[in-house]
Amino acid sequence: MGSFCEAIQSVFNALAAAMGGFSPSAWTPVHGWAASGGSYSIAVHGDRFVVVETDKVGSFDELRQLLRAGEP
């Protein structure tokens, strides 16, 4: 699963770098992302990720809170 997250992160980093040429806003670095499809949802922030059954989570905010759990 880690290599899947790394591949998606690379795509988002490339897109963010490309958007830098069209927008005055800073798009890089990409710190996190989330996606939902079918039975599962995934959220990534930095070097942490969580995969959950979509029906068992209320929102991406809850996924973000799971990722932050245990941080000082």
PDB file of N, CA and C in Angstrom:
ATOM      1  N   MET A   1       0.824  -1.192   0.000  1.00  0.00           N
ATOM      2  CA  MET A   1       0.000   0.000   0.000  1.00  0.00           C
ATOM      3  C   MET A   1       0.864   1.250   0.000  1.00  0.00           C
ATOM      4  N   GLY A   2       2.016   1.175   0.637  1.00  0.00           N
ATOM      5  CA  GLY A   2       2.901   2.332   0.677  1.00  0.00           C
ATOM      6  C   GLY A   2       3.352   2.765  -0.710  1.00  0.00           C
ATOM      7  N   SER A   3       3.651   1.798  -1.589  1.00  0.00           N
ATOM      8  CA  SER A   3       4.090   2.158  -2.937  1.00  0.00           C
ATOM      9  C   SER A   3       2.951   2.777  -3.740  1.00  0.00           C
ATOM     10  N   PHE A   4       1.711   2.353  -3.483  1.00  0.00           N
ATOM     11  CA  PHE A   4       0.542   2.973  -4.129  1.00  0.00           C
ATOM     12  C   PHE A   4       0.456   4.438  -3.724  1.00  0.00           C
ATOM     13  N   CYS A   5       0.585   4.707  -2.430  1.00  0.00           N
ATOM     14  CA  CYS A   5       0.520   6.078  -1.931  1.00  0.00           C
ATOM     15  C   CYS A   5       1.655   6.919  -2.513  1.00  0.00           C
ATOM     16  N   GLU A   6       2.844   6.348  -2.614  1.00  0.00           N
ATOM     17  CA  GLU A   6       3.977   7.071  -3.182  1.00  0.00           C
ATOM     18  C   GLU A   6       3.730   7.422  -4.647  1.00  0.00           C
ATOM     19  N   ALA A   7       3.143   6.497  -5.399  1.00  0.00           N
ATOM     20  CA  ALA A   7       2.864   6.757  -6.817  1.00  0.00           C
ATOM     21  C   ALA A   7       1.859   7.895  -6.984  1.00  0.00           C
ATOM     22  N   ILE A   8       0.793   7.868  -6.202  1.00  0.00           N
ATOM     23  CA  ILE A   8      -0.219   8.919  -6.278  1.00  0.00           C
ATOM     24  C   ILE A   8       0.378  10.250  -5.837  1.00  0.00           C
ATOM     25  N   GLN A   9       1.199  10.221  -4.778  1.00  0.00           N
ATOM     26  CA  GLN A   9       1.850  11.442  -4.299  1.00  0.00           C
ATOM     27  C   GLN A   9       2.720  12.044  -5.397  1.00  0.00           C
ATOM     28  N   SER A  10       3.437  11.202  -6.128  1.00  0.00           N
ATOM     29  CA  SER A  10       4.278  11.687  -7.230  1.00  0.00           C
ATOM     30  C   SER A  10       3.448  12.376  -8.300  1.00  0.00           C
ATOM     31  N   VAL A  11       2.295  11.803  -8.617  1.00  0.00           N
ATOM     32  CA  VAL A  11       1.405  12.408  -9.611  1.00  0.00           C
ATOM     33  C   VAL A  11       0.933  13.774  -9.124  1.00  0.00           C
ATOM     34  N   PHE A  12       0.505  13.850  -7.871  1.00  0.00           N
ATOM     35  CA  PHE A  12       0.045  15.133  -7.333  1.00  0.00           C
ATOM     36  C   PHE A  12       1.165  16.160  -7.277  1.00  0.00           C
ATOM     37  N   ASN A  13       2.380  15.725  -6.955  1.00  0.00           N
ATOM     38  CA  ASN A  13       3.516  16.653  -6.950  1.00  0.00           C
ATOM     39  C   ASN A  13       3.771  17.195  -8.354  1.00  0.00           C
ATOM     40  N   ALA A  14       3.684  16.337  -9.364  1.00  0.00           N
ATOM     41  CA  ALA A  14       3.879  16.779 -10.746  1.00  0.00           C
ATOM     42  C   ALA A  14       2.782  17.754 -11.164  1.00  0.00           C
ATOM     43  N   LEU A  15       1.546  17.456 -10.813  1.00  0.00           N
ATOM     44  CA  LEU A  15       0.442  18.361 -11.128  1.00  0.00           C
ATOM     45  C   LEU A  15       0.605  19.702 -10.422  1.00  0.00           C
ATOM     46  N   ALA A  16       1.028  19.670  -9.175  1.00  0.00           N
ATOM     47  CA  ALA A  16       1.215  20.908  -8.419  1.00  0.00           C
ATOM     48  C   ALA A  16       2.323  21.745  -9.042  1.00  0.00           C
ATOM     49  N   ALA A  17       3.403  21.103  -9.471  1.00  0.00           N
ATOM     50  CA  ALA A  17       4.491  21.840 -10.117  1.00  0.00           C
ATOM     51  C   ALA A  17       4.010  22.469 -11.416  1.00  0.00           C
ATOM     52  N   ALA A  18       3.197  21.740 -12.175  1.00  0.00           N
ATOM     53  CA  ALA A  18       2.661  22.270 -13.429  1.00  0.00           C
ATOM     54  C   ALA A  18       1.714  23.438 -13.177  1.00  0.00           C
ATOM     55  N   MET A  19       0.913  23.354 -12.128  1.00  0.00           N
ATOM     56  CA  MET A  19      -0.030  24.430 -11.813  1.00  0.00           C
ATOM     57  C   MET A  19       0.699  25.709 -11.411  1.00  0.00           C
ATOM     58  N   GLY A  20       1.911  25.578 -10.920  1.00  0.00           N
ATOM     59  CA  GLY A  20       2.680  26.753 -10.536  1.00  0.00           C
ATOM     60  C   GLY A  20       2.900  27.718 -11.691  1.00  0.00           C
ATOM     61  N   GLY A  21       2.900  27.226 -12.921  1.00  0.00           N
ATOM     62  CA  GLY A  21       3.077  28.077 -14.082  1.00  0.00           C
ATOM     63  C   GLY A  21       1.823  28.823 -14.496  1.00  0.00           C
ATOM     64  N   PHE A  22       0.664  28.400 -13.984  1.00  0.00           N
ATOM     65  CA  PHE A  22      -0.612  28.996 -14.371  1.00  0.00           C
ATOM     66  C   PHE A  22      -1.264  29.825 -13.272  1.00  0.00           C
ATOM     67  N   SER A  23      -0.777  29.681 -12.068  1.00  0.00           N
ATOM     68  CA  SER A  23      -1.456  30.285 -10.927  1.00  0.00           C
ATOM     69  C   SER A  23      -0.452  31.032 -10.052  1.00  0.00           C
ATOM     70  N   PRO A  24      -0.854  32.178  -9.509  1.00  0.00           N
ATOM     71  CA  PRO A  24       0.051  32.889  -8.600  1.00  0.00           C
ATOM     72  C   PRO A  24       0.161  32.207  -7.231  1.00  0.00           C
ATOM     73  N   SER A  25      -0.727  31.285  -6.944  1.00  0.00           N
ATOM     74  CA  SER A  25      -0.695  30.579  -5.665  1.00  0.00           C
ATOM     75  C   SER A  25       0.379  29.497  -5.676  1.00  0.00           C
ATOM     76  N   ALA A  26       0.930  29.219  -4.506  1.00  0.00           N
ATOM     77  CA  ALA A  26       1.913  28.139  -4.381  1.00  0.00           C
ATOM     78  C   ALA A  26       1.175  26.810  -4.221  1.00  0.00           C
ATOM     79  N   TRP A  27       1.460  25.863  -5.078  1.00  0.00           N
ATOM     80  CA  TRP A  27       0.806  24.556  -5.040  1.00  0.00           C
ATOM     81  C   TRP A  27       1.716  23.475  -4.493  1.00  0.00           C
ATOM     82  N   THR A  28       2.986  23.788  -4.311  1.00  0.00           N
ATOM     83  CA  THR A  28       3.914  22.778  -3.826  1.00  0.00           C
ATOM     84  C   THR A  28       4.499  23.205  -2.498  1.00  0.00           C
ATOM     85  N   PRO A  29       4.898  22.315  -1.664  1.00  0.00           N
ATOM     86  CA  PRO A  29       4.750  20.879  -1.829  1.00  0.00           C
ATOM     87  C   PRO A  29       3.338  20.421  -1.454  1.00  0.00           C
ATOM     88  N   VAL A  30       2.940  19.302  -2.009  1.00  0.00           N
ATOM     89  CA  VAL A  30       1.650  18.706  -1.675  1.00  0.00           C
ATOM     90  C   VAL A  30       1.843  17.947  -0.363  1.00  0.00           C
ATOM     91  N   HIS A  31       1.105  18.336   0.670  1.00  0.00           N
ATOM     92  CA  HIS A  31       1.271  17.711   1.987  1.00  0.00           C
ATOM     93  C   HIS A  31       0.322  16.551   2.208  1.00  0.00           C
ATOM     94  N   GLY A  32      -0.826  16.579   1.557  1.00  0.00           N
ATOM     95  CA  GLY A  32      -1.782  15.512   1.795  1.00  0.00           C
ATOM     96  C   GLY A  32      -2.852  15.478   0.735  1.00  0.00           C
ATOM     97  N   TRP A  33      -3.553  14.365   0.684  1.00  0.00           N
ATOM     98  CA  TRP A  33      -4.656  14.196  -0.256  1.00  0.00           C
ATOM     99  C   TRP A  33      -5.570  13.102   0.254  1.00  0.00           C
ATOM    100  N   ALA A  34      -6.766  13.057  -0.294  1.00  0.00           N
ATOM    101  CA  ALA A  34      -7.746  12.043   0.089  1.00  0.00           C
ATOM    102  C   ALA A  34      -8.556  11.669  -1.139  1.00  0.00           C
ATOM    103  N   ALA A  35      -9.008  10.426  -1.165  1.00  0.00           N
ATOM    104  CA  ALA A  35      -9.832   9.949  -2.279  1.00  0.00           C
ATOM    105  C   ALA A  35     -10.794   8.896  -1.763  1.00  0.00           C
ATOM    106  N   SER A  36     -11.926   8.834  -2.413  1.00  0.00           N
ATOM    107  CA  SER A  36     -12.933   7.850  -2.049  1.00  0.00           C
ATOM    108  C   SER A  36     -13.481   7.235  -3.321  1.00  0.00           C
ATOM    109  N   GLY A  37     -13.625   5.934  -3.328  1.00  0.00           N
ATOM    110  CA  GLY A  37     -14.175   5.270  -4.495  1.00  0.00           C
ATOM    111  C   GLY A  37     -14.568   3.847  -4.143  1.00  0.00           C
ATOM    112  N   GLY A  38     -15.763   3.488  -4.507  1.00  0.00           N
ATOM    113  CA  GLY A  38     -16.207   2.133  -4.210  1.00  0.00           C
ATOM    114  C   GLY A  38     -16.352   1.906  -2.723  1.00  0.00           C
ATOM    115  N   SER A  39     -15.798   0.834  -2.252  1.00  0.00           N
ATOM    116  CA  SER A  39     -15.957   0.441  -0.847  1.00  0.00           C
ATOM    117  C   SER A  39     -14.958   1.098   0.097  1.00  0.00           C
ATOM    118  N   TYR A  40     -13.887   1.674  -0.445  1.00  0.00           N
ATOM    119  CA  TYR A  40     -12.814   2.175   0.409  1.00  0.00           C
ATOM    120  C   TYR A  40     -12.487   3.631   0.144  1.00  0.00           C
ATOM    121  N   SER A  41     -11.980   4.296   1.191  1.00  0.00           N
ATOM    122  CA  SER A  41     -11.470   5.662   1.108  1.00  0.00           C
ATOM    123  C   SER A  41     -10.050   5.647   1.651  1.00  0.00           C
ATOM    124  N   ILE A  42      -9.244   6.582   1.175  1.00  0.00           N
ATOM    125  CA  ILE A  42      -7.864   6.686   1.637  1.00  0.00           C
ATOM    126  C   ILE A  42      -7.550   8.159   1.867  1.00  0.00           C
ATOM    127  N   ALA A  43      -6.781   8.418   2.891  1.00  0.00           N
ATOM    128  CA  ALA A  43      -6.292   9.768   3.163  1.00  0.00           C
ATOM    129  C   ALA A  43      -4.802   9.661   3.449  1.00  0.00           C
ATOM    130  N   VAL A  44      -4.030  10.604   2.909  1.00  0.00           N
ATOM    131  CA  VAL A  44      -2.584  10.621   3.074  1.00  0.00           C
ATOM    132  C   VAL A  44      -2.193  12.000   3.568  1.00  0.00           C
ATOM    133  N   HIS A  45      -1.305  12.038   4.555  1.00  0.00           N
ATOM    134  CA  HIS A  45      -0.736  13.299   5.027  1.00  0.00           C
ATOM    135  C   HIS A  45       0.712  13.024   5.386  1.00  0.00           C
ATOM    136  N   GLY A  46       1.603  13.647   4.636  1.00  0.00           N
ATOM    137  CA  GLY A  46       3.029  13.416   4.878  1.00  0.00           C
ATOM    138  C   GLY A  46       3.384  11.957   4.673  1.00  0.00           C
ATOM    139  N   ASP A  47       3.964  11.330   5.689  1.00  0.00           N
ATOM    140  CA  ASP A  47       4.347   9.930   5.568  1.00  0.00           C
ATOM    141  C   ASP A  47       3.342   8.986   6.224  1.00  0.00           C
ATOM    142  N   ARG A  48       2.151   9.477   6.518  1.00  0.00           N
ATOM    143  CA  ARG A  48       1.108   8.647   7.135  1.00  0.00           C
ATOM    144  C   ARG A  48      -0.064   8.484   6.178  1.00  0.00           C
ATOM    145  N   PHE A  49      -0.692   7.318   6.242  1.00  0.00           N
ATOM    146  CA  PHE A  49      -1.900   7.125   5.454  1.00  0.00           C
ATOM    147  C   PHE A  49      -2.859   6.208   6.209  1.00  0.00           C
ATOM    148  N   VAL A  50      -4.117   6.331   5.868  1.00  0.00           N
ATOM    149  CA  VAL A  50      -5.144   5.479   6.459  1.00  0.00           C
ATOM    150  C   VAL A  50      -6.103   5.058   5.338  1.00  0.00           C
ATOM    151  N   VAL A  51      -6.469   3.787   5.348  1.00  0.00           N
ATOM    152  CA  VAL A  51      -7.442   3.237   4.407  1.00  0.00           C
ATOM    153  C   VAL A  51      -8.600   2.718   5.240  1.00  0.00           C
ATOM    154  N   VAL A  52      -9.813   3.119   4.882  1.00  0.00           N
ATOM    155  CA  VAL A  52     -10.993   2.723   5.651  1.00  0.00           C
ATOM    156  C   VAL A  52     -12.120   2.307   4.719  1.00  0.00           C
ATOM    157  N   GLU A  53     -13.048   1.547   5.268  1.00  0.00           N
ATOM    158  CA  GLU A  53     -14.263   1.245   4.531  1.00  0.00           C
ATOM    159  C   GLU A  53     -15.108   2.522   4.503  1.00  0.00           C
ATOM    160  N   THR A  54     -15.492   2.949   3.316  1.00  0.00           N
ATOM    161  CA  THR A  54     -16.190   4.221   3.137  1.00  0.00           C
ATOM    162  C   THR A  54     -17.454   4.298   3.985  1.00  0.00           C
ATOM    163  N   ASP A  55     -18.205   3.208   4.080  1.00  0.00           N
ATOM    164  CA  ASP A  55     -19.454   3.215   4.836  1.00  0.00           C
ATOM    165  C   ASP A  55     -19.244   3.412   6.332  1.00  0.00           C
ATOM    166  N   LYS A  56     -18.029   3.188   6.825  1.00  0.00           N
ATOM    167  CA  LYS A  56     -17.774   3.271   8.263  1.00  0.00           C
ATOM    168  C   LYS A  56     -17.148   4.586   8.708  1.00  0.00           C
ATOM    169  N   VAL A  57     -16.939   5.512   7.783  1.00  0.00           N
ATOM    170  CA  VAL A  57     -16.370   6.808   8.144  1.00  0.00           C
ATOM    171  C   VAL A  57     -17.344   7.895   7.711  1.00  0.00           C
ATOM    172  N   GLY A  58     -17.463   8.913   8.529  1.00  0.00           N
ATOM    173  CA  GLY A  58     -18.429   9.960   8.239  1.00  0.00           C
ATOM    174  C   GLY A  58     -17.945  10.998   7.252  1.00  0.00           C
ATOM    175  N   SER A  59     -16.649  11.341   7.312  1.00  0.00           N
ATOM    176  CA  SER A  59     -16.145  12.418   6.455  1.00  0.00           C
ATOM    177  C   SER A  59     -14.628  12.322   6.350  1.00  0.00           C
ATOM    178  N   PHE A  60     -14.084  13.091   5.402  1.00  0.00           N
ATOM    179  CA  PHE A  60     -12.631  13.155   5.289  1.00  0.00           C
ATOM    180  C   PHE A  60     -12.029  13.863   6.489  1.00  0.00           C
ATOM    181  N   ASP A  61     -12.789  14.704   7.165  1.00  0.00           N
ATOM    182  CA  ASP A  61     -12.284  15.332   8.388  1.00  0.00           C
ATOM    183  C   ASP A  61     -11.962  14.270   9.435  1.00  0.00           C
ATOM    184  N   GLU A  62     -12.807  13.236   9.534  1.00  0.00           N
ATOM    185  CA  GLU A  62     -12.533  12.151  10.474  1.00  0.00           C
ATOM    186  C   GLU A  62     -11.262  11.403  10.088  1.00  0.00           C
ATOM    187  N   LEU A  63     -11.055  11.197   8.787  1.00  0.00           N
ATOM    188  CA  LEU A  63      -9.826  10.536   8.339  1.00  0.00           C
ATOM    189  C   LEU A  63      -8.610  11.376   8.693  1.00  0.00           C
ATOM    190  N   ARG A  64      -8.708  12.681   8.507  1.00  0.00           N
ATOM    191  CA  ARG A  64      -7.607  13.584   8.851  1.00  0.00           C
ATOM    192  C   ARG A  64      -7.295  13.510  10.334  1.00  0.00           C
ATOM    193  N   GLN A  65      -8.323  13.430  11.150  1.00  0.00           N
ATOM    194  CA  GLN A  65      -8.120  13.329  12.593  1.00  0.00           C
ATOM    195  C   GLN A  65      -7.430  12.015  12.942  1.00  0.00           C
ATOM    196  N   LEU A  66      -7.775  10.934  12.233  1.00  0.00           N
ATOM    197  CA  LEU A  66      -7.095   9.657  12.467  1.00  0.00           C
ATOM    198  C   LEU A  66      -5.607   9.768  12.135  1.00  0.00           C
ATOM    199  N   LEU A  67      -5.305  10.476  11.062  1.00  0.00           N
ATOM    200  CA  LEU A  67      -3.904  10.644  10.684  1.00  0.00           C
ATOM    201  C   LEU A  67      -3.128  11.454  11.715  1.00  0.00           C
ATOM    202  N   ARG A  68      -3.776  12.428  12.306  1.00  0.00           N
ATOM    203  CA  ARG A  68      -3.112  13.293  13.268  1.00  0.00           C
ATOM    204  C   ARG A  68      -3.032  12.666  14.660  1.00  0.00           C
ATOM    205  N   ALA A  69      -3.795  11.615  14.884  1.00  0.00           N
ATOM    206  CA  ALA A  69      -3.797  10.964  16.206  1.00  0.00           C
ATOM    207  C   ALA A  69      -2.388  10.503  16.552  1.00  0.00           C
ATOM    208  N   GLY A  70      -1.980  10.800  17.746  1.00  0.00           N
ATOM    209  CA  GLY A  70      -0.666  10.389  18.194  1.00  0.00           C
ATOM    210  C   GLY A  70       0.434  11.384  17.903  1.00  0.00           C
ATOM    211  N   GLU A  71       0.139  12.450  17.158  1.00  0.00           N
ATOM    212  CA  GLU A  71       1.158  13.475  16.930  1.00  0.00           C
ATOM    213  C   GLU A  71       1.268  14.348  18.172  1.00  0.00           C
ATOM    214  N   PRO A  72       2.464  14.814  18.478  1.00  0.00           N
ATOM    215  CA  PRO A  72       2.609  15.693  19.657  1.00  0.00           C
ATOM    216  C   PRO A  72       1.943  17.028  19.467  1.00  0.00           C
TER     217      PRO A  72
END
